[in-house]
Amino acid sequence: MVFSLNSVSLIGAISQYGVKQLANGKATCTVQLTELGRDAHEHTSYVNVEIWGKEGAPLATAMPPGTMVLIQGEVKPRKTKDLWTFVVSTRALERLSEEPAEAS
C-alpha cells in the first residue's frame, strides 16, 4: 500500500482582486508568490485558494489586497465546465502583516 501526505504551506500576498465571499459560505482568493530564481530574477506565481469554515471565510474577506498571509491546507481538484484545476483548500488564512504590501 502506498501512503501519501497532502499538505501545503504557502506564504504570499493576497492578489489585487482581494478575497471574494461565495454564496456557499466559502471564500476564494488568489495568492501571489514571488521568489528569486536561480537566474537572479524575480518569478511570480499565482495560486488559487479556497477558504472555508464559519470563522475562516468571514475573517479572510476583511483582509485587503497586498496583505501577507500564511496558508496551510491541502491541494484539491476542482472541475469547472470541462476543465480540471487544482486549488489550495484551507480553513483559515493567517495574517502576517498589518499593512498591505504592494499587490499586482
PDB file of N, CA and C in Angstrom:
ATOM      1  N   MET A   1       0.836  -1.176   0.000  1.00  0.00           N
ATOM      2  CA  MET A   1       0.000   0.000   0.000  1.00  0.00           C
ATOM      3  C   MET A   1       0.887   1.248   0.000  1.00  0.00           C
ATOM      4  N   VAL A   2       0.500   2.246  -0.784  1.00  0.00           N
ATOM      5  CA  VAL A   2       1.248   3.492  -0.875  1.00  0.00           C
ATOM      6  C   VAL A   2       0.585   4.531   0.027  1.00  0.00           C
ATOM      7  N   PHE A   3       1.407   5.189   0.835  1.00  0.00           N
ATOM      8  CA  PHE A   3       0.904   6.254   1.696  1.00  0.00           C
ATOM      9  C   PHE A   3       1.359   7.588   1.152  1.00  0.00           C
ATOM     10  N   SER A   4       0.543   8.603   1.349  1.00  0.00           N
ATOM     11  CA  SER A   4       0.916   9.938   0.895  1.00  0.00           C
ATOM     12  C   SER A   4       0.442  10.968   1.905  1.00  0.00           C
ATOM     13  N   LEU A   5       0.963  12.157   1.788  1.00  0.00           N
ATOM     14  CA  LEU A   5       0.602  13.272   2.654  1.00  0.00           C
ATOM     15  C   LEU A   5       0.249  14.446   1.765  1.00  0.00           C
ATOM     16  N   ASN A   6      -0.945  14.967   1.916  1.00  0.00           N
ATOM     17  CA  ASN A   6      -1.396  16.112   1.137  1.00  0.00           C
ATOM     18  C   ASN A   6      -1.405  17.315   2.065  1.00  0.00           C
ATOM     19  N   SER A   7      -0.303  18.046   2.078  1.00  0.00           N
ATOM     20  CA  SER A   7      -0.163  19.198   2.953  1.00  0.00           C
ATOM     21  C   SER A   7       0.612  20.285   2.225  1.00  0.00           C
ATOM     22  N   VAL A   8       0.094  21.513   2.272  1.00  0.00           N
ATOM     23  CA  VAL A   8       0.709  22.636   1.584  1.00  0.00           C
ATOM     24  C   VAL A   8       0.835  23.799   2.558  1.00  0.00           C
ATOM     25  N   SER A   9       1.995  24.436   2.570  1.00  0.00           N
ATOM     26  CA  SER A   9       2.199  25.677   3.330  1.00  0.00           C
ATOM     27  C   SER A   9       2.740  26.711   2.362  1.00  0.00           C
ATOM     28  N   LEU A  10       2.080  27.855   2.300  1.00  0.00           N
ATOM     29  CA  LEU A  10       2.484  28.932   1.398  1.00  0.00           C
ATOM     30  C   LEU A  10       2.502  30.248   2.156  1.00  0.00           C
ATOM     31  N   ILE A  11       3.433  31.112   1.822  1.00  0.00           N
ATOM     32  CA  ILE A  11       3.441  32.485   2.320  1.00  0.00           C
ATOM     33  C   ILE A  11       3.443  33.374   1.089  1.00  0.00           C
ATOM     34  N   GLY A  12       2.506  34.298   1.034  1.00  0.00           N
ATOM     35  CA  GLY A  12       2.415  35.197  -0.104  1.00  0.00           C
ATOM     36  C   GLY A  12       1.458  36.322   0.192  1.00  0.00           C
ATOM     37  N   ALA A  13       1.221  37.150  -0.805  1.00  0.00           N
ATOM     38  CA  ALA A  13       0.335  38.308  -0.673  1.00  0.00           C
ATOM     39  C   ALA A  13      -0.977  38.044  -1.392  1.00  0.00           C
ATOM     40  N   ILE A  14      -2.085  38.475  -0.796  1.00  0.00           N
ATOM     41  CA  ILE A  14      -3.388  38.394  -1.467  1.00  0.00           C
ATOM     42  C   ILE A  14      -3.322  39.288  -2.704  1.00  0.00           C
ATOM     43  N   SER A  15      -3.719  38.757  -3.851  1.00  0.00           N
ATOM     44  CA  SER A  15      -3.593  39.492  -5.109  1.00  0.00           C
ATOM     45  C   SER A  15      -4.494  40.714  -5.139  1.00  0.00           C
ATOM     46  N   GLN A  16      -4.345  41.474  -6.192  1.00  0.00           N
ATOM     47  CA  GLN A  16      -5.063  42.735  -6.340  1.00  0.00           C
ATOM     48  C   GLN A  16      -6.583  42.586  -6.347  1.00  0.00           C
ATOM     49  N   TYR A  17      -7.083  41.386  -6.583  1.00  0.00           N
ATOM     50  CA  TYR A  17      -8.525  41.174  -6.653  1.00  0.00           C
ATOM     51  C   TYR A  17      -9.154  40.909  -5.292  1.00  0.00           C
ATOM     52  N   GLY A  18      -8.334  40.738  -4.256  1.00  0.00           N
ATOM     53  CA  GLY A  18      -8.851  40.556  -2.902  1.00  0.00           C
ATOM     54  C   GLY A  18      -9.506  39.213  -2.689  1.00  0.00           C
ATOM     55  N   VAL A  19     -10.235  39.113  -1.586  1.00  0.00           N
ATOM     56  CA  VAL A  19     -10.917  37.876  -1.203  1.00  0.00           C
ATOM     57  C   VAL A  19     -12.402  38.042  -1.497  1.00  0.00           C
ATOM     58  N   LYS A  20     -12.990  37.085  -2.166  1.00  0.00           N
ATOM     59  CA  LYS A  20     -14.410  37.131  -2.541  1.00  0.00           C
ATOM     60  C   LYS A  20     -15.201  36.113  -1.725  1.00  0.00           C
ATOM     61  N   GLN A  21     -16.312  36.551  -1.150  1.00  0.00           N
ATOM     62  CA  GLN A  21     -17.204  35.660  -0.414  1.00  0.00           C
ATOM     63  C   GLN A  21     -18.151  34.998  -1.410  1.00  0.00           C
ATOM     64  N   LEU A  22     -18.290  33.686  -1.332  1.00  0.00           N
ATOM     65  CA  LEU A  22     -19.188  32.956  -2.218  1.00  0.00           C
ATOM     66  C   LEU A  22     -20.500  32.656  -1.518  1.00  0.00           C
ATOM     67  N   ALA A  23     -21.532  32.360  -2.286  1.00  0.00           N
ATOM     68  CA  ALA A  23     -22.860  32.087  -1.728  1.00  0.00           C
ATOM     69  C   ALA A  23     -22.881  30.828  -0.869  1.00  0.00           C
ATOM     70  N   ASN A  24     -21.980  29.875  -1.129  1.00  0.00           N
ATOM     71  CA  ASN A  24     -21.978  28.616  -0.379  1.00  0.00           C
ATOM     72  C   ASN A  24     -21.251  28.719   0.960  1.00  0.00           C
ATOM     73  N   GLY A  25     -20.872  29.932   1.358  1.00  0.00           N
ATOM     74  CA  GLY A  25     -20.194  30.125   2.634  1.00  0.00           C
ATOM     75  C   GLY A  25     -18.682  30.096   2.543  1.00  0.00           C
ATOM     76  N   LYS A  26     -18.152  29.679   1.393  1.00  0.00           N
ATOM     77  CA  LYS A  26     -16.709  29.676   1.199  1.00  0.00           C
ATOM     78  C   LYS A  26     -16.262  31.047   0.688  1.00  0.00           C
ATOM     79  N   ALA A  27     -14.992  31.288   0.784  1.00  0.00           N
ATOM     80  CA  ALA A  27     -14.395  32.480   0.201  1.00  0.00           C
ATOM     81  C   ALA A  27     -13.261  32.016  -0.701  1.00  0.00           C
ATOM     82  N   THR A  28     -12.937  32.803  -1.711  1.00  0.00           N
ATOM     83  CA  THR A  28     -11.840  32.464  -2.601  1.00  0.00           C
ATOM     84  C   THR A  28     -10.921  33.659  -2.784  1.00  0.00           C
ATOM     85  N   CYS A  29      -9.667  33.383  -3.070  1.00  0.00           N
ATOM     86  CA  CYS A  29      -8.727  34.439  -3.411  1.00  0.00           C
ATOM     87  C   CYS A  29      -7.593  33.823  -4.212  1.00  0.00           C
ATOM     88  N   THR A  30      -6.798  34.682  -4.783  1.00  0.00           N
ATOM     89  CA  THR A  30      -5.571  34.264  -5.446  1.00  0.00           C
ATOM     90  C   THR A  30      -4.426  34.848  -4.642  1.00  0.00           C
ATOM     91  N   VAL A  31      -3.439  34.031  -4.340  1.00  0.00           N
ATOM     92  CA  VAL A  31      -2.281  34.475  -3.577  1.00  0.00           C
ATOM     93  C   VAL A  31      -1.093  34.563  -4.521  1.00  0.00           C
ATOM     94  N   GLN A  32      -0.409  35.695  -4.439  1.00  0.00           N
ATOM     95  CA  GLN A  32       0.750  35.942  -5.278  1.00  0.00           C
ATOM     96  C   GLN A  32       2.008  35.501  -4.544  1.00  0.00           C
ATOM     97  N   LEU A  33       2.776  34.620  -5.171  1.00  0.00           N
ATOM     98  CA  LEU A  33       4.035  34.141  -4.610  1.00  0.00           C
ATOM     99  C   LEU A  33       5.168  34.654  -5.490  1.00  0.00           C
ATOM    100  N   THR A  34       6.054  35.462  -4.940  1.00  0.00           N
ATOM    101  CA  THR A  34       7.193  35.976  -5.685  1.00  0.00           C
ATOM    102  C   THR A  34       8.459  35.444  -5.051  1.00  0.00           C
ATOM    103  N   GLU A  35       9.313  34.857  -5.878  1.00  0.00           N
ATOM    104  CA  GLU A  35      10.558  34.294  -5.356  1.00  0.00           C
ATOM    105  C   GLU A  35      11.705  34.651  -6.289  1.00  0.00           C
ATOM    106  N   LEU A  36      12.903  34.625  -5.728  1.00  0.00           N
ATOM    107  CA  LEU A  36      14.105  34.883  -6.506  1.00  0.00           C
ATOM    108  C   LEU A  36      14.570  33.563  -7.090  1.00  0.00           C
ATOM    109  N   GLY A  37      14.647  33.500  -8.418  1.00  0.00           N
ATOM    110  CA  GLY A  37      15.045  32.264  -9.085  1.00  0.00           C
ATOM    111  C   GLY A  37      16.551  32.107  -9.153  1.00  0.00           C
ATOM    112  N   ARG A  38      16.974  30.968  -9.640  1.00  0.00           N
ATOM    113  CA  ARG A  38      18.404  30.698  -9.800  1.00  0.00           C
ATOM    114  C   ARG A  38      19.059  31.653 -10.787  1.00  0.00           C
ATOM    115  N   ASP A  39      18.247  32.237 -11.669  1.00  0.00           N
ATOM    116  CA  ASP A  39      18.772  33.183 -12.656  1.00  0.00           C
ATOM    117  C   ASP A  39      18.847  34.606 -12.110  1.00  0.00           C
ATOM    118  N   ALA A  40      18.613  34.777 -10.787  1.00  0.00           N
ATOM    119  CA  ALA A  40      18.667  36.072 -10.096  1.00  0.00           C
ATOM    120  C   ALA A  40      17.534  37.015 -10.504  1.00  0.00           C
ATOM    121  N   HIS A  41      16.495  36.501 -11.132  1.00  0.00           N
ATOM    122  CA  HIS A  41      15.314  37.289 -11.476  1.00  0.00           C
ATOM    123  C   HIS A  41      14.154  36.879 -10.576  1.00  0.00           C
ATOM    124  N   GLU A  42      13.244  37.834 -10.338  1.00  0.00           N
ATOM    125  CA  GLU A  42      12.037  37.507  -9.570  1.00  0.00           C
ATOM    126  C   GLU A  42      11.050  36.786 -10.479  1.00  0.00           C
ATOM    127  N   HIS A  43      10.434  35.734  -9.949  1.00  0.00           N
ATOM    128  CA  HIS A  43       9.420  34.980 -10.671  1.00  0.00           C
ATOM    129  C   HIS A  43       8.160  34.967  -9.816  1.00  0.00           C
ATOM    130  N   THR A  44       7.024  35.262 -10.434  1.00  0.00           N
ATOM    131  CA  THR A  44       5.760  35.341  -9.707  1.00  0.00           C
ATOM    132  C   THR A  44       4.826  34.236 -10.166  1.00  0.00           C
ATOM    133  N   SER A  45       4.233  33.551  -9.192  1.00  0.00           N
ATOM    134  CA  SER A  45       3.219  32.531  -9.456  1.00  0.00           C
ATOM    135  C   SER A  45       1.943  32.959  -8.740  1.00  0.00           C
ATOM    136  N   TYR A  46       0.812  32.540  -9.268  1.00  0.00           N
ATOM    137  CA  TYR A  46      -0.480  32.836  -8.648  1.00  0.00           C
ATOM    138  C   TYR A  46      -1.147  31.515  -8.300  1.00  0.00           C
ATOM    139  N   VAL A  47      -1.590  31.384  -7.058  1.00  0.00           N
ATOM    140  CA  VAL A  47      -2.191  30.153  -6.560  1.00  0.00           C
ATOM    141  C   VAL A  47      -3.626  30.455  -6.130  1.00  0.00           C
ATOM    142  N   ASN A  48      -4.582  29.694  -6.647  1.00  0.00           N
ATOM    143  CA  ASN A  48      -5.974  29.845  -6.236  1.00  0.00           C
ATOM    144  C   ASN A  48      -6.178  29.170  -4.883  1.00  0.00           C
ATOM    145  N   VAL A  49      -6.871  29.869  -3.986  1.00  0.00           N
ATOM    146  CA  VAL A  49      -7.098  29.385  -2.625  1.00  0.00           C
ATOM    147  C   VAL A  49      -8.582  29.470  -2.317  1.00  0.00           C
ATOM    148  N   GLU A  50      -9.132  28.429  -1.675  1.00  0.00           N
ATOM    149  CA  GLU A  50     -10.499  28.499  -1.164  1.00  0.00           C
ATOM    150  C   GLU A  50     -10.427  28.410   0.354  1.00  0.00           C
ATOM    151  N   ILE A  51     -11.179  29.280   1.022  1.00  0.00           N
ATOM    152  CA  ILE A  51     -11.200  29.328   2.476  1.00  0.00           C
ATOM    153  C   ILE A  51     -12.598  28.940   2.915  1.00  0.00           C
ATOM    154  N   TRP A  52     -12.692  28.019   3.858  1.00  0.00           N
ATOM    155  CA  TRP A  52     -13.995  27.562   4.309  1.00  0.00           C
ATOM    156  C   TRP A  52     -14.013  27.536   5.826  1.00  0.00           C
ATOM    157  N   GLY A  53     -15.202  27.387   6.372  1.00  0.00           N
ATOM    158  CA  GLY A  53     -15.365  27.345   7.821  1.00  0.00           C
ATOM    159  C   GLY A  53     -16.065  28.601   8.314  1.00  0.00           C
ATOM    160  N   LYS A  54     -16.750  28.484   9.433  1.00  0.00           N
ATOM    161  CA  LYS A  54     -17.544  29.593   9.976  1.00  0.00           C
ATOM    162  C   LYS A  54     -16.710  30.820  10.284  1.00  0.00           C
ATOM    163  N   GLU A  55     -15.478  30.633  10.793  1.00  0.00           N
ATOM    164  CA  GLU A  55     -14.641  31.776  11.131  1.00  0.00           C
ATOM    165  C   GLU A  55     -13.726  32.166   9.972  1.00  0.00           C
ATOM    166  N   GLY A  56     -13.223  31.178   9.254  1.00  0.00           N
ATOM    167  CA  GLY A  56     -12.202  31.424   8.243  1.00  0.00           C
ATOM    168  C   GLY A  56     -12.625  32.332   7.110  1.00  0.00           C
ATOM    169  N   ALA A  57     -13.745  32.042   6.469  1.00  0.00           N
ATOM    170  CA  ALA A  57     -14.171  32.812   5.308  1.00  0.00           C
ATOM    171  C   ALA A  57     -14.488  34.271   5.664  1.00  0.00           C
ATOM    172  N   PRO A  58     -15.275  34.554   6.711  1.00  0.00           N
ATOM    173  CA  PRO A  58     -15.549  35.959   7.033  1.00  0.00           C
ATOM    174  C   PRO A  58     -14.300  36.756   7.421  1.00  0.00           C
ATOM    175  N   LEU A  59     -13.376  36.144   8.152  1.00  0.00           N
ATOM    176  CA  LEU A  59     -12.156  36.844   8.529  1.00  0.00           C
ATOM    177  C   LEU A  59     -11.290  37.140   7.310  1.00  0.00           C
ATOM    178  N   ALA A  60     -11.217  36.196   6.396  1.00  0.00           N
ATOM    179  CA  ALA A  60     -10.394  36.388   5.200  1.00  0.00           C
ATOM    180  C   ALA A  60     -10.905  37.520   4.332  1.00  0.00           C
ATOM    181  N   THR A  61     -12.236  37.683   4.242  1.00  0.00           N
ATOM    182  CA  THR A  61     -12.784  38.734   3.383  1.00  0.00           C
ATOM    183  C   THR A  61     -12.452  40.122   3.911  1.00  0.00           C
ATOM    184  N   ALA A  62     -12.067  40.241   5.174  1.00  0.00           N
ATOM    185  CA  ALA A  62     -11.690  41.537   5.748  1.00  0.00           C
ATOM    186  C   ALA A  62     -10.246  41.906   5.424  1.00  0.00           C
ATOM    187  N   MET A  63      -9.477  40.983   4.844  1.00  0.00           N
ATOM    188  CA  MET A  63      -8.075  41.250   4.525  1.00  0.00           C
ATOM    189  C   MET A  63      -7.980  41.912   3.157  1.00  0.00           C
ATOM    190  N   PRO A  64      -7.370  43.092   3.089  1.00  0.00           N
ATOM    191  CA  PRO A  64      -7.275  43.791   1.802  1.00  0.00           C
ATOM    192  C   PRO A  64      -6.197  43.189   0.899  1.00  0.00           C
ATOM    193  N   PRO A  65      -6.268  43.482  -0.404  1.00  0.00           N
ATOM    194  CA  PRO A  65      -5.212  43.041  -1.315  1.00  0.00           C
ATOM    195  C   PRO A  65      -3.850  43.510  -0.812  1.00  0.00           C
ATOM    196  N   GLY A  66      -2.838  42.675  -1.011  1.00  0.00           N
ATOM    197  CA  GLY A  66      -1.485  43.015  -0.589  1.00  0.00           C
ATOM    198  C   GLY A  66      -1.125  42.504   0.790  1.00  0.00           C
ATOM    199  N   THR A  67      -2.119  42.047   1.560  1.00  0.00           N
ATOM    200  CA  THR A  67      -1.850  41.519   2.886  1.00  0.00           C
ATOM    201  C   THR A  67      -1.034  40.239   2.769  1.00  0.00           C
ATOM    202  N   MET A  68       0.068  40.168   3.507  1.00  0.00           N
ATOM    203  CA  MET A  68       0.882  38.958   3.534  1.00  0.00           C
ATOM    204  C   MET A  68       0.188  37.933   4.426  1.00  0.00           C
ATOM    205  N   VAL A  69       0.058  36.703   3.927  1.00  0.00           N
ATOM    206  CA  VAL A  69      -0.652  35.659   4.662  1.00  0.00           C
ATOM    207  C   VAL A  69       0.115  34.342   4.632  1.00  0.00           C
ATOM    208  N   LEU A  70      -0.146  33.525   5.642  1.00  0.00           N
ATOM    209  CA  LEU A  70       0.331  32.147   5.699  1.00  0.00           C
ATOM    210  C   LEU A  70      -0.880  31.263   5.449  1.00  0.00           C
ATOM    211  N   ILE A  71      -0.730  30.330   4.532  1.00  0.00           N
ATOM    212  CA  ILE A  71      -1.798  29.391   4.201  1.00  0.00           C
ATOM    213  C   ILE A  71      -1.283  27.992   4.485  1.00  0.00           C
ATOM    214  N   GLN A  72      -2.034  27.242   5.253  1.00  0.00           N
ATOM    215  CA  GLN A  72      -1.723  25.839   5.478  1.00  0.00           C
ATOM    216  C   GLN A  72      -2.969  25.045   5.115  1.00  0.00           C
ATOM    217  N   GLY A  73      -2.862  24.207   4.112  1.00  0.00           N
ATOM    218  CA  GLY A  73      -4.038  23.481   3.646  1.00  0.00           C
ATOM    219  C   GLY A  73      -3.660  22.265   2.841  1.00  0.00           C
ATOM    220  N   GLU A  74      -4.567  21.908   1.936  1.00  0.00           N
ATOM    221  CA  GLU A  74      -4.406  20.728   1.086  1.00  0.00           C
ATOM    222  C   GLU A  74      -4.682  21.104  -0.362  1.00  0.00           C
ATOM    223  N   VAL A  75      -4.077  20.380  -1.283  1.00  0.00           N
ATOM    224  CA  VAL A  75      -4.363  20.543  -2.702  1.00  0.00           C
ATOM    225  C   VAL A  75      -5.618  19.738  -3.025  1.00  0.00           C
ATOM    226  N   LYS A  76      -6.592  20.389  -3.668  1.00  0.00           N
ATOM    227  CA  LYS A  76      -7.855  19.727  -4.026  1.00  0.00           C
ATOM    228  C   LYS A  76      -8.159  19.962  -5.507  1.00  0.00           C
ATOM    229  N   PRO A  77      -8.636  18.941  -6.212  1.00  0.00           N
ATOM    230  CA  PRO A  77      -9.059  19.125  -7.603  1.00  0.00           C
ATOM    231  C   PRO A  77     -10.444  19.767  -7.655  1.00  0.00           C
ATOM    232  N   ARG A  78     -10.649  20.646  -8.630  1.00  0.00           N
ATOM    233  CA  ARG A  78     -11.951  21.277  -8.851  1.00  0.00           C
ATOM    234  C   ARG A  78     -12.242  21.256 -10.343  1.00  0.00           C
ATOM    235  N   LYS A  79     -13.485  20.950 -10.694  1.00  0.00           N
ATOM    236  CA  LYS A  79     -13.872  20.919 -12.106  1.00  0.00           C
ATOM    237  C   LYS A  79     -14.774  22.111 -12.408  1.00  0.00           C
ATOM    238  N   THR A  80     -14.390  22.859 -13.440  1.00  0.00           N
ATOM    239  CA  THR A  80     -15.213  23.949 -13.936  1.00  0.00           C
ATOM    240  C   THR A  80     -15.464  23.677 -15.408  1.00  0.00           C
ATOM    241  N   LYS A  81     -16.707  23.437 -15.745  1.00  0.00           N
ATOM    242  CA  LYS A  81     -17.106  23.027 -17.096  1.00  0.00           C
ATOM    243  C   LYS A  81     -16.321  21.775 -17.484  1.00  0.00           C
ATOM    244  N   ASP A  82     -15.460  21.867 -18.492  1.00  0.00           N
ATOM    245  CA  ASP A  82     -14.710  20.696 -18.941  1.00  0.00           C
ATOM    246  C   ASP A  82     -13.253  20.718 -18.487  1.00  0.00           C
ATOM    247  N   LEU A  83     -12.912  21.630 -17.600  1.00  0.00           N
ATOM    248  CA  LEU A  83     -11.519  21.801 -17.203  1.00  0.00           C
ATOM    249  C   LEU A  83     -11.312  21.460 -15.729  1.00  0.00           C
ATOM    250  N   TRP A  84     -10.335  20.617 -15.457  1.00  0.00           N
ATOM    251  CA  TRP A  84      -9.955  20.307 -14.075  1.00  0.00           C
ATOM    252  C   TRP A  84      -8.814  21.226 -13.670  1.00  0.00           C
ATOM    253  N   THR A  85      -8.913  21.826 -12.495  1.00  0.00           N
ATOM    254  CA  THR A  85      -7.848  22.649 -11.951  1.00  0.00           C
ATOM    255  C   THR A  85      -7.577  22.211 -10.516  1.00  0.00           C
ATOM    256  N   PHE A  86      -6.569  22.786  -9.908  1.00  0.00           N
ATOM    257  CA  PHE A  86      -6.247  22.498  -8.516  1.00  0.00           C
ATOM    258  C   PHE A  86      -6.273  23.781  -7.718  1.00  0.00           C
ATOM    259  N   VAL A  87      -6.784  23.698  -6.496  1.00  0.00           N
ATOM    260  CA  VAL A  87      -6.792  24.819  -5.569  1.00  0.00           C
ATOM    261  C   VAL A  87      -6.171  24.356  -4.261  1.00  0.00           C
ATOM    262  N   VAL A  88      -5.749  25.322  -3.455  1.00  0.00           N
ATOM    263  CA  VAL A  88      -5.341  25.027  -2.092  1.00  0.00           C
ATOM    264  C   VAL A  88      -6.560  25.292  -1.216  1.00  0.00           C
ATOM    265  N   SER A  89      -6.998  24.291  -0.485  1.00  0.00           N
ATOM    266  CA  SER A  89      -8.179  24.381   0.366  1.00  0.00           C
ATOM    267  C   SER A  89      -7.737  24.491   1.824  1.00  0.00           C
ATOM    268  N   THR A  90      -8.278  25.497   2.534  1.00  0.00           N
ATOM    269  CA  THR A  90      -7.865  25.743   3.911  1.00  0.00           C
ATOM    270  C   THR A  90      -9.031  26.263   4.742  1.00  0.00           C
ATOM    271  N   ARG A  91      -8.912  26.138   6.058  1.00  0.00           N
ATOM    272  CA  ARG A  91      -9.934  26.664   6.958  1.00  0.00           C
ATOM    273  C   ARG A  91      -9.699  28.126   7.321  1.00  0.00           C
ATOM    274  N   ALA A  92      -8.482  28.622   7.128  1.00  0.00           N
ATOM    275  CA  ALA A  92      -8.195  29.999   7.523  1.00  0.00           C
ATOM    276  C   ALA A  92      -6.912  30.496   6.885  1.00  0.00           C
ATOM    277  N   LEU A  93      -6.802  31.804   6.738  1.00  0.00           N
ATOM    278  CA  LEU A  93      -5.573  32.464   6.355  1.00  0.00           C
ATOM    279  C   LEU A  93      -5.027  33.136   7.605  1.00  0.00           C
ATOM    280  N   GLU A  94      -3.740  33.019   7.835  1.00  0.00           N
ATOM    281  CA  GLU A  94      -3.133  33.699   8.980  1.00  0.00           C
ATOM    282  C   GLU A  94      -2.445  34.961   8.474  1.00  0.00           C
ATOM    283  N   ARG A  95      -2.868  36.097   9.004  1.00  0.00           N
ATOM    284  CA  ARG A  95      -2.308  37.381   8.583  1.00  0.00           C
ATOM    285  C   ARG A  95      -0.887  37.510   9.124  1.00  0.00           C
ATOM    286  N   LEU A  96       0.056  37.868   8.241  1.00  0.00           N
ATOM    287  CA  LEU A  96       1.442  38.040   8.653  1.00  0.00           C
ATOM    288  C   LEU A  96       1.854  39.509   8.698  1.00  0.00           C
ATOM    289  N   SER A  97       1.077  40.376   8.053  1.00  0.00           N
ATOM    290  CA  SER A  97       1.409  41.802   8.048  1.00  0.00           C
ATOM    291  C   SER A  97       0.167  42.620   8.368  1.00  0.00           C
ATOM    292  N   GLU A  98       0.360  43.718   9.062  1.00  0.00           N
ATOM    293  CA  GLU A  98      -0.742  44.631   9.346  1.00  0.00           C
ATOM    294  C   GLU A  98      -0.989  45.561   8.155  1.00  0.00           C
ATOM    295  N   GLU A  99       0.086  45.992   7.524  1.00  0.00           N
ATOM    296  CA  GLU A  99      -0.023  46.888   6.379  1.00  0.00           C
ATOM    297  C   GLU A  99       0.098  46.071   5.101  1.00  0.00           C
ATOM    298  N   PRO A 100      -0.819  46.270   4.151  1.00  0.00           N
ATOM    299  CA  PRO A 100      -0.707  45.533   2.885  1.00  0.00           C
ATOM    300  C   PRO A 100       0.563  45.886   2.135  1.00  0.00           C
ATOM    301  N   ALA A 101       1.187  44.874   1.542  1.00  0.00           N
ATOM    302  CA  ALA A 101       2.302  45.104   0.627  1.00  0.00           C
ATOM    303  C   ALA A 101       1.718  45.522  -0.710  1.00  0.00           C
ATOM    304  N   GLU A 102       2.550  45.959  -1.609  1.00  0.00           N
ATOM    305  CA  GLU A 102       2.063  46.348  -2.923  1.00  0.00           C
ATOM    306  C   GLU A 102       1.624  45.108  -3.672  1.00  0.00           C
ATOM    307  N   ALA A 103       0.347  45.017  -4.039  1.00  0.00           N
ATOM    308  CA  ALA A 103      -0.185  43.859  -4.763  1.00  0.00           C
ATOM    309  C   ALA A 103      -0.197  44.160  -6.250  1.00  0.00           C
ATOM    310  N   SER A 104       0.008  43.114  -7.058  1.00  0.00           N
ATOM    311  CA  SER A 104      -0.072  43.307  -8.514  1.00  0.00           C
ATOM    312  C   SER A 104      -0.993  42.310  -9.127  1.00  0.00           C
TER     313      SER A 104
END
